Amino acid sequence: MTQHILPQDTLEDQQTMRRLATVIGCFIAATAAMALVITVVMG
């Protein structure tokens, strides 16, 4: 990450990273749910 002088820039970076983490978390959860459904269907 880049270093920022303005606190506002740092806050924006934190919000962006939180958004990115949320998207990645949702993707992982959706993948796990899909794997579980496939396991049950194929089971």
Protein backbone atom coordinates (compact mmCIF):
# COMPACT_ATOMS: atom_id res chain seq x y z
CA MET A 1 0.00 0.00 0.00
CA THR A 2 1.07 3.53 -0.60
CA GLN A 3 1.71 5.98 2.20
CA HIS A 4 -0.64 8.92 2.39
CA ILE A 5 -0.21 12.25 4.07
CA LEU A 6 -3.91 13.09 4.29
CA PRO A 7 -6.02 11.13 6.82
CA GLN A 8 -8.89 11.20 4.32
CA ASP A 9 -6.83 9.19 1.82
CA THR A 10 -6.03 6.62 4.49
CA LEU A 11 -9.72 6.33 5.37
CA GLU A 12 -10.62 5.81 1.71
CA ASP A 13 -7.97 3.11 1.44
CA GLN A 14 -9.40 1.32 4.48
CA GLN A 15 -12.92 1.47 3.05
CA THR A 16 -11.67 0.14 -0.30
CA MET A 17 -9.84 -2.73 1.39
CA ARG A 18 -12.95 -3.53 3.47
CA ARG A 19 -15.07 -3.60 0.32
CA LEU A 20 -12.55 -5.87 -1.38
CA ALA A 21 -12.46 -8.21 1.63
CA THR A 22 -16.27 -8.35 1.64
CA VAL A 23 -16.39 -9.27 -2.05
CA ILE A 24 -13.74 -11.96 -1.58
CA GLY A 25 -15.55 -13.31 1.48
CA CYS A 26 -18.84 -13.53 -0.42
CA PHE A 27 -17.09 -15.28 -3.30
CA ILE A 28 -15.56 -17.86 -0.94
CA ALA A 29 -18.91 -18.43 0.79
CA ALA A 30 -20.69 -18.87 -2.55
CA THR A 31 -18.03 -21.33 -3.74
CA ALA A 32 -18.33 -23.35 -0.53
CA ALA A 33 -22.12 -23.42 -0.80
CA MET A 34 -21.93 -24.56 -4.42
CA ALA A 35 -19.49 -27.33 -3.48
CA LEU A 36 -21.81 -28.45 -0.71
CA VAL A 37 -24.82 -28.54 -3.05
CA ILE A 38 -22.87 -30.53 -5.64
CA THR A 39 -21.75 -32.98 -2.93
CA VAL A 40 -25.35 -33.49 -1.78
CA VAL A 41 -26.67 -33.88 -5.33
CA MET A 42 -23.94 -36.30 -6.40
CA GLY A 43 -24.02 -38.04 -3.01
